[in-house]
PDB file of N, CA and C in Angstrom:
ATOM      1  N   UNK A   1     -20.679  42.611  76.484  1.00  0.00           N
ATOM      2  CA  UNK A   1     -19.972  41.431  75.866  1.00  0.00           C
ATOM      3  C   UNK A   1     -18.922  41.100  75.855  1.00  0.00           C
ATOM      4  N   UNK A   2     -18.498  39.854  75.934  1.00  0.00           N
ATOM      5  CA  UNK A   2     -17.236  39.369  76.004  1.00  0.00           C
ATOM      6  C   UNK A   2     -16.346  39.830  75.277  1.00  0.00           C
ATOM      7  N   UNK A   3     -16.837  38.747  73.864  1.00  0.00           N
ATOM      8  CA  UNK A   3     -16.170  38.819  72.953  1.00  0.00           C
ATOM      9  C   UNK A   3     -16.918  38.546  71.551  1.00  0.00           C
ATOM     10  N   UNK A   4     -16.504  38.674  70.368  1.00  0.00           N
ATOM     11  CA  UNK A   4     -17.393  38.572  69.181  1.00  0.00           C
ATOM     12  C   UNK A   4     -16.412  37.704  68.540  1.00  0.00           C
ATOM     13  N   UNK A   5     -16.801  36.678  67.858  1.00  0.00           N
ATOM     14  CA  UNK A   5     -16.178  36.552  66.575  1.00  0.00           C
ATOM     15  C   UNK A   5     -17.027  36.282  65.338  1.00  0.00           C
ATOM     16  N   UNK A   6     -16.388  35.320  64.120  1.00  0.00           N
ATOM     17  CA  UNK A   6     -16.998  34.780  63.229  1.00  0.00           C
ATOM     18  C   UNK A   6     -16.512  33.366  62.894  1.00  0.00           C
ATOM     19  N   UNK A   7     -16.995  32.252  62.363  1.00  0.00           N
ATOM     20  CA  UNK A   7     -16.502  31.150  61.989  1.00  0.00           C
ATOM     21  C   UNK A   7     -17.226  30.618  60.454  1.00  0.00           C
ATOM     22  N   UNK A   8     -16.586  29.735  60.253  1.00  0.00           N
ATOM     23  CA  UNK A   8     -17.220  29.045  58.977  1.00  0.00           C
ATOM     24  C   UNK A   8     -18.047  27.482  59.546  1.00  0.00           C
ATOM     25  N   UNK A   9     -19.177  27.541  58.949  1.00  0.00           N
ATOM     26  CA  UNK A   9     -19.647  25.561  59.200  1.00  0.00           C
ATOM     27  C   UNK A   9     -20.316  25.897  58.191  1.00  0.00           C
ATOM     28  N   UNK A  10     -19.815  24.391  57.870  1.00  0.00           N
ATOM     29  CA  UNK A  10     -19.713  23.587  56.399  1.00  0.00           C
ATOM     30  C   UNK A  10     -21.522  23.715  56.092  1.00  0.00           C
ATOM     31  N   UNK A  11     -21.926  23.829  55.004  1.00  0.00           N
ATOM     32  CA  UNK A  11     -22.953  23.538  55.003  1.00  0.00           C
ATOM     33  C   UNK A  11     -23.686  22.971  52.694  1.00  0.00           C
ATOM     34  N   UNK A  12     -24.504  22.503  53.286  1.00  0.00           N
ATOM     35  CA  UNK A  12     -25.214  21.684  51.338  1.00  0.00           C
ATOM     36  C   UNK A  12     -25.810  22.828  51.109  1.00  0.00           C
ATOM     37  N   UNK A  13     -25.429  22.948  50.314  1.00  0.00           N
ATOM     38  CA  UNK A  13     -26.335  24.215  49.542  1.00  0.00           C
ATOM     39  C   UNK A  13     -26.408  23.453  48.235  1.00  0.00           C
ATOM     40  N   UNK A  14     -27.551  24.375  47.635  1.00  0.00           N
ATOM     41  CA  UNK A  14     -27.657  23.858  46.188  1.00  0.00           C
ATOM     42  C   UNK A  14     -26.698  24.389  44.839  1.00  0.00           C
ATOM     43  N   UNK A  15     -26.870  23.045  43.958  1.00  0.00           N
ATOM     44  CA  UNK A  15     -25.529  23.492  42.882  1.00  0.00           C
ATOM     45  C   UNK A  15     -25.694  24.700  42.666  1.00  0.00           C
ATOM     46  N   UNK A  16     -26.646  25.391  41.965  1.00  0.00           N
ATOM     47  CA  UNK A  16     -26.945  26.692  41.364  1.00  0.00           C
ATOM     48  C   UNK A  16     -25.985  28.179  42.067  1.00  0.00           C
ATOM     49  N   UNK A  17     -26.738  27.724  43.910  1.00  0.00           N
ATOM     50  CA  UNK A  17     -26.010  29.362  43.918  1.00  0.00           C
ATOM     51  C   UNK A  17     -24.831  28.682  44.816  1.00  0.00           C
ATOM     52  N   UNK A  18     -23.989  26.825  44.762  1.00  0.00           N
ATOM     53  CA  UNK A  18     -22.959  26.771  45.687  1.00  0.00           C
ATOM     54  C   UNK A  18     -21.867  28.123  45.243  1.00  0.00           C
ATOM     55  N   UNK A  19     -21.246  28.598  44.246  1.00  0.00           N
ATOM     56  CA  UNK A  19     -20.856  29.593  43.900  1.00  0.00           C
ATOM     57  C   UNK A  19     -20.328  30.458  45.370  1.00  0.00           C
ATOM     58  N   UNK A  20     -21.839  31.010  45.905  1.00  0.00           N
ATOM     59  CA  UNK A  20     -21.589  32.206  46.111  1.00  0.00           C
ATOM     60  C   UNK A  20     -21.259  31.828  47.661  1.00  0.00           C
ATOM     61  N   UNK A  21     -21.588  30.071  48.227  1.00  0.00           N
ATOM     62  CA  UNK A  21     -21.003  29.800  49.090  1.00  0.00           C
ATOM     63  C   UNK A  21     -19.669  28.876  49.332  1.00  0.00           C
ATOM     64  N   UNK A  22     -18.788  29.537  48.770  1.00  0.00           N
ATOM     65  CA  UNK A  22     -17.572  29.102  48.449  1.00  0.00           C
ATOM     66  C   UNK A  22     -16.651  30.022  49.762  1.00  0.00           C
ATOM     67  N   UNK A  23     -15.433  29.356  50.273  1.00  0.00           N
ATOM     68  CA  UNK A  23     -14.957  30.666  50.653  1.00  0.00           C
ATOM     69  C   UNK A  23     -13.390  29.755  50.642  1.00  0.00           C
ATOM     70  N   UNK A  24     -12.505  30.545  51.249  1.00  0.00           N
ATOM     71  CA  UNK A  24     -11.116  30.401  51.135  1.00  0.00           C
ATOM     72  C   UNK A  24     -10.760  29.200  50.052  1.00  0.00           C
ATOM     73  N   UNK A  25     -11.083  28.361  50.815  1.00  0.00           N
ATOM     74  CA  UNK A  25     -10.535  26.814  50.768  1.00  0.00           C
ATOM     75  C   UNK A  25     -11.738  26.193  50.000  1.00  0.00           C
ATOM     76  N   UNK A  26     -12.165  26.046  49.222  1.00  0.00           N
ATOM     77  CA  UNK A  26     -13.253  26.007  48.523  1.00  0.00           C
ATOM     78  C   UNK A  26     -14.186  25.436  48.709  1.00  0.00           C
ATOM     79  N   UNK A  27     -14.568  25.007  49.981  1.00  0.00           N
ATOM     80  CA  UNK A  27     -15.703  24.199  50.450  1.00  0.00           C
ATOM     81  C   UNK A  27     -16.863  25.093  50.382  1.00  0.00           C
ATOM     82  N   UNK A  28     -17.775  24.658  50.255  1.00  0.00           N
ATOM     83  CA  UNK A  28     -19.234  25.249  50.946  1.00  0.00           C
ATOM     84  C   UNK A  28     -19.328  25.690  52.295  1.00  0.00           C
ATOM     85  N   UNK A  29     -19.323  26.735  52.579  1.00  0.00           N
ATOM     86  CA  UNK A  29     -19.618  27.536  54.175  1.00  0.00           C
ATOM     87  C   UNK A  29     -20.865  28.614  54.191  1.00  0.00           C
ATOM     88  N   UNK A  30     -21.016  28.066  55.478  1.00  0.00           N
ATOM     89  CA  UNK A  30     -21.686  29.493  55.650  1.00  0.00           C
ATOM     90  C   UNK A  30     -20.935  30.445  56.879  1.00  0.00           C
ATOM     91  N   UNK A  31     -20.830  31.473  56.731  1.00  0.00           N
ATOM     92  CA  UNK A  31     -20.397  32.707  57.480  1.00  0.00           C
ATOM     93  C   UNK A  31     -21.386  32.613  58.558  1.00  0.00           C
ATOM     94  N   UNK A  32     -20.686  32.634  59.818  1.00  0.00           N
ATOM     95  CA  UNK A  32     -21.584  33.035  61.402  1.00  0.00           C
ATOM     96  C   UNK A  32     -20.737  33.771  61.973  1.00  0.00           C
ATOM     97  N   UNK A  33     -21.216  34.942  62.735  1.00  0.00           N
ATOM     98  CA  UNK A  33     -21.168  35.577  63.509  1.00  0.00           C
ATOM     99  C   UNK A  33     -21.749  34.818  65.102  1.00  0.00           C
ATOM    100  N   UNK A  34     -20.418  35.386  66.189  1.00  0.00           N
ATOM    101  CA  UNK A  34     -21.340  35.185  67.334  1.00  0.00           C
ATOM    102  C   UNK A  34     -20.908  35.919  68.501  1.00  0.00           C
ATOM    103  N   UNK A  35     -21.556  36.433  69.528  1.00  0.00           N
ATOM    104  CA  UNK A  35     -21.224  37.084  70.459  1.00  0.00           C
ATOM    105  C   UNK A  35     -21.578  36.509  71.505  1.00  0.00           C
ATOM    106  N   UNK A  36     -20.321  36.536  72.816  1.00  0.00           N
ATOM    107  CA  UNK A  36     -20.702  35.657  73.882  1.00  0.00           C
ATOM    108  C   UNK A  36     -20.519  37.008  75.177  1.00  0.00           C
ATOM    109  N   UNK A  37     -21.089  36.719  76.761  1.00  0.00           N
ATOM    110  CA  UNK A  37     -20.342  37.310  77.625  1.00  0.00           C
ATOM    111  C   UNK A  37     -18.990  37.217  78.467  1.00  0.00           C
ATOM    112  N   UNK A  38     -18.784  37.639  79.691  1.00  0.00           N
ATOM    113  CA  UNK A  38     -17.467  36.977  79.873  1.00  0.00           C
ATOM    114  C   UNK A  38     -17.731  35.908  80.551  1.00  0.00           C
ATOM    115  N   UNK A  39     -18.658  35.547  81.154  1.00  0.00           N
ATOM    116  CA  UNK A  39     -18.933  33.890  81.465  1.00  0.00           C
ATOM    117  C   UNK A  39     -19.572  33.016  80.594  1.00  0.00           C
ATOM    118  N   UNK A  40     -18.545  32.891  79.393  1.00  0.00           N
ATOM    119  CA  UNK A  40     -19.507  32.580  77.851  1.00  0.00           C
ATOM    120  C   UNK A  40     -20.541  32.037  77.376  1.00  0.00           C
ATOM    121  N   UNK A  41     -21.426  33.101  78.189  1.00  0.00           N
ATOM    122  CA  UNK A  41     -22.756  32.675  77.214  1.00  0.00           C
ATOM    123  C   UNK A  41     -23.142  33.173  76.061  1.00  0.00           C
ATOM    124  N   UNK A  42     -23.924  32.885  75.197  1.00  0.00           N
ATOM    125  CA  UNK A  42     -24.028  33.242  73.664  1.00  0.00           C
ATOM    126  C   UNK A  42     -25.127  34.785  73.677  1.00  0.00           C
ATOM    127  N   UNK A  43     -24.568  35.727  73.493  1.00  0.00           N
ATOM    128  CA  UNK A  43     -25.576  36.140  73.557  1.00  0.00           C
ATOM    129  C   UNK A  43     -26.371  36.971  72.569  1.00  0.00           C
ATOM    130  N   UNK A  44     -25.448  36.864  71.170  1.00  0.00           N
ATOM    131  CA  UNK A  44     -26.377  36.600  69.773  1.00  0.00           C
ATOM    132  C   UNK A  44     -25.840  36.253  68.881  1.00  0.00           C
ATOM    133  N   UNK A  45     -25.988  35.490  68.240  1.00  0.00           N
ATOM    134  CA  UNK A  45     -25.544  34.791  66.731  1.00  0.00           C
ATOM    135  C   UNK A  45     -26.632  34.800  65.258  1.00  0.00           C
ATOM    136  N   UNK A  46     -25.774  35.198  64.724  1.00  0.00           N
ATOM    137  CA  UNK A  46     -26.246  35.326  63.063  1.00  0.00           C
ATOM    138  C   UNK A  46     -25.703  34.573  62.287  1.00  0.00           C
ATOM    139  N   UNK A  47     -26.152  33.656  61.333  1.00  0.00           N
ATOM    140  CA  UNK A  47     -26.207  32.829  60.583  1.00  0.00           C
ATOM    141  C   UNK A  47     -26.663  33.037  59.139  1.00  0.00           C
ATOM    142  N   UNK A  48     -26.231  32.274  58.653  1.00  0.00           N
ATOM    143  CA  UNK A  48     -26.944  31.880  57.181  1.00  0.00           C
ATOM    144  C   UNK A  48     -26.618  32.915  56.137  1.00  0.00           C
ATOM    145  N   UNK A  49     -25.335  33.323  56.564  1.00  0.00           N
ATOM    146  CA  UNK A  49     -24.625  34.891  55.348  1.00  0.00           C
ATOM    147  C   UNK A  49     -23.118  33.547  54.230  1.00  0.00           C
ATOM    148  N   UNK A  50     -23.143  33.956  53.038  1.00  0.00           N
ATOM    149  CA  UNK A  50     -22.189  33.574  52.153  1.00  0.00           C
ATOM    150  C   UNK A  50     -21.429  32.919  52.449  1.00  0.00           C
ATOM    151  N   UNK A  51     -20.541  32.066  52.651  1.00  0.00           N
ATOM    152  CA  UNK A  51     -19.035  31.410  53.405  1.00  0.00           C
ATOM    153  C   UNK A  51     -18.074  32.562  52.465  1.00  0.00           C
ATOM    154  N   UNK A  52     -18.370  33.212  51.280  1.00  0.00           N
ATOM    155  CA  UNK A  52     -17.675  33.971  50.859  1.00  0.00           C
ATOM    156  C   UNK A  52     -18.060  35.565  50.789  1.00  0.00           C
ATOM    157  N   UNK A  53     -18.624  36.121  52.091  1.00  0.00           N
ATOM    158  CA  UNK A  53     -18.662  37.151  52.436  1.00  0.00           C
ATOM    159  C   UNK A  53     -17.565  37.570  53.064  1.00  0.00           C
ATOM    160  N   UNK A  54     -17.443  38.529  53.115  1.00  0.00           N
ATOM    161  CA  UNK A  54     -16.729  38.886  54.300  1.00  0.00           C
ATOM    162  C   UNK A  54     -16.771  39.591  55.612  1.00  0.00           C
ATOM    163  N   UNK A  55     -16.309  39.127  57.024  1.00  0.00           N
ATOM    164  CA  UNK A  55     -16.408  39.432  58.270  1.00  0.00           C
ATOM    165  C   UNK A  55     -17.339  40.618  58.675  1.00  0.00           C
ATOM    166  N   UNK A  56     -16.573  41.211  57.846  1.00  0.00           N
ATOM    167  CA  UNK A  56     -17.341  43.103  58.212  1.00  0.00           C
ATOM    168  C   UNK A  56     -18.609  43.301  57.427  1.00  0.00           C
ATOM    169  N   UNK A  57     -18.915  42.451  56.598  1.00  0.00           N
ATOM    170  CA  UNK A  57     -20.358  42.943  55.820  1.00  0.00           C
ATOM    171  C   UNK A  57     -21.209  41.933  56.901  1.00  0.00           C
ATOM    172  N   UNK A  58     -20.940  40.766  57.541  1.00  0.00           N
ATOM    173  CA  UNK A  58     -21.692  40.051  58.580  1.00  0.00           C
ATOM    174  C   UNK A  58     -21.385  41.139  59.584  1.00  0.00           C
ATOM    175  N   UNK A  59     -20.796  41.721  60.239  1.00  0.00           N
ATOM    176  CA  UNK A  59     -21.613  42.618  61.271  1.00  0.00           C
ATOM    177  C   UNK A  59     -21.804  43.833  60.825  1.00  0.00           C
ATOM    178  N   UNK A  60     -21.591  44.241  59.726  1.00  0.00           N
ATOM    179  CA  UNK A  60     -22.114  45.876  59.567  1.00  0.00           C
ATOM    180  C   UNK A  60     -23.569  45.260  59.414  1.00  0.00           C
ATOM    181  N   UNK A  61     -24.382  44.037  58.824  1.00  0.00           N
ATOM    182  CA  UNK A  61     -25.208  43.479  59.110  1.00  0.00           C
ATOM    183  C   UNK A  61     -26.100  43.165  60.107  1.00  0.00           C
ATOM    184  N   UNK A  62     -25.565  42.710  61.419  1.00  0.00           N
ATOM    185  CA  UNK A  62     -25.643  42.447  62.764  1.00  0.00           C
ATOM    186  C   UNK A  62     -25.964  43.320  63.121  1.00  0.00           C
ATOM    187  N   UNK A  63     -25.009  44.937  63.000  1.00  0.00           N
ATOM    188  CA  UNK A  63     -25.145  45.814  63.907  1.00  0.00           C
ATOM    189  C   UNK A  63     -26.650  47.273  63.388  1.00  0.00           C
ATOM    190  N   UNK A  64     -26.973  46.658  61.503  1.00  0.00           N
ATOM    191  CA  UNK A  64     -27.890  47.484  61.641  1.00  0.00           C
ATOM    192  C   UNK A  64     -29.127  46.696  61.323  1.00  0.00           C
ATOM    193  N   UNK A  65     -29.706  45.384  62.039  1.00  0.00           N
ATOM    194  CA  UNK A  65     -30.579  44.847  61.637  1.00  0.00           C
ATOM    195  C   UNK A  65     -31.700  46.019  62.984  1.00  0.00           C
ATOM    196  N   UNK A  66     -32.687  46.223  63.449  1.00  0.00           N
ATOM    197  CA  UNK A  66     -33.227  47.149  64.198  1.00  0.00           C
ATOM    198  C   UNK A  66     -32.772  46.133  65.880  1.00  0.00           C
ATOM    199  N   UNK A  67     -33.373  44.720  65.478  1.00  0.00           N
ATOM    200  CA  UNK A  67     -33.157  43.819  66.906  1.00  0.00           C
ATOM    201  C   UNK A  67     -32.153  43.074  66.756  1.00  0.00           C
ATOM    202  N   UNK A  68     -30.749  43.679  66.385  1.00  0.00           N
ATOM    203  CA  UNK A  68     -29.591  43.052  66.083  1.00  0.00           C
ATOM    204  C   UNK A  68     -28.913  43.088  66.974  1.00  0.00           C
ATOM    205  N   UNK A  69     -27.978  42.861  67.069  1.00  0.00           N
ATOM    206  CA  UNK A  69     -26.601  42.869  68.155  1.00  0.00           C
ATOM    207  C   UNK A  69     -26.195  44.844  68.666  1.00  0.00           C
ATOM    208  N   UNK A  70     -25.862  44.812  69.858  1.00  0.00           N
ATOM    209  CA  UNK A  70     -25.732  45.814  70.171  1.00  0.00           C
ATOM    210  C   UNK A  70     -25.004  46.023  71.360  1.00  0.00           C
ATOM    211  N   UNK A  71     -23.505  47.322  70.865  1.00  0.00           N
ATOM    212  CA  UNK A  71     -22.876  46.890  71.804  1.00  0.00           C
ATOM    213  C   UNK A  71     -22.979  48.915  72.294  1.00  0.00           C
ATOM    214  N   UNK A  72     -22.927  48.444  73.881  1.00  0.00           N
ATOM    215  CA  UNK A  72     -22.702  49.645  74.769  1.00  0.00           C
ATOM    216  C   UNK A  72     -21.229  49.863  74.914  1.00  0.00           C
ATOM    217  N   UNK A  73     -21.037  51.278  75.126  1.00  0.00           N
ATOM    218  CA  UNK A  73     -20.302  52.258  75.122  1.00  0.00           C
ATOM    219  C   UNK A  73     -19.595  51.761  76.502  1.00  0.00           C
ATOM    220  N   UNK A  74     -18.532  51.524  76.607  1.00  0.00           N
ATOM    221  CA  UNK A  74     -17.627  51.113  78.131  1.00  0.00           C
ATOM    222  C   UNK A  74     -17.214  53.162  78.572  1.00  0.00           C
ATOM    223  N   UNK A  75     -17.491  53.013  79.513  1.00  0.00           N
ATOM    224  CA  UNK A  75     -17.707  54.108  80.497  1.00  0.00           C
ATOM    225  C   UNK A  75     -15.575  54.024  81.360  1.00  0.00           C
TER     226      UNK A  75
END
């Protein structure tokens, strides 16, 4: 694995649940986590998390899903 990072992507959300998707800058966003290889190819993407979710929550979810993100140990 080369790198893991998260970003916020603008999202159109139904009015009654917009509060959960508001990030620090008051925009409605989805929190997206992505992992890439050293040659910049995507190997994992987890999207759809509410914009107010902390990055550690998103990473924890990615690691807990049976078919989710797998991190190998360095030798």
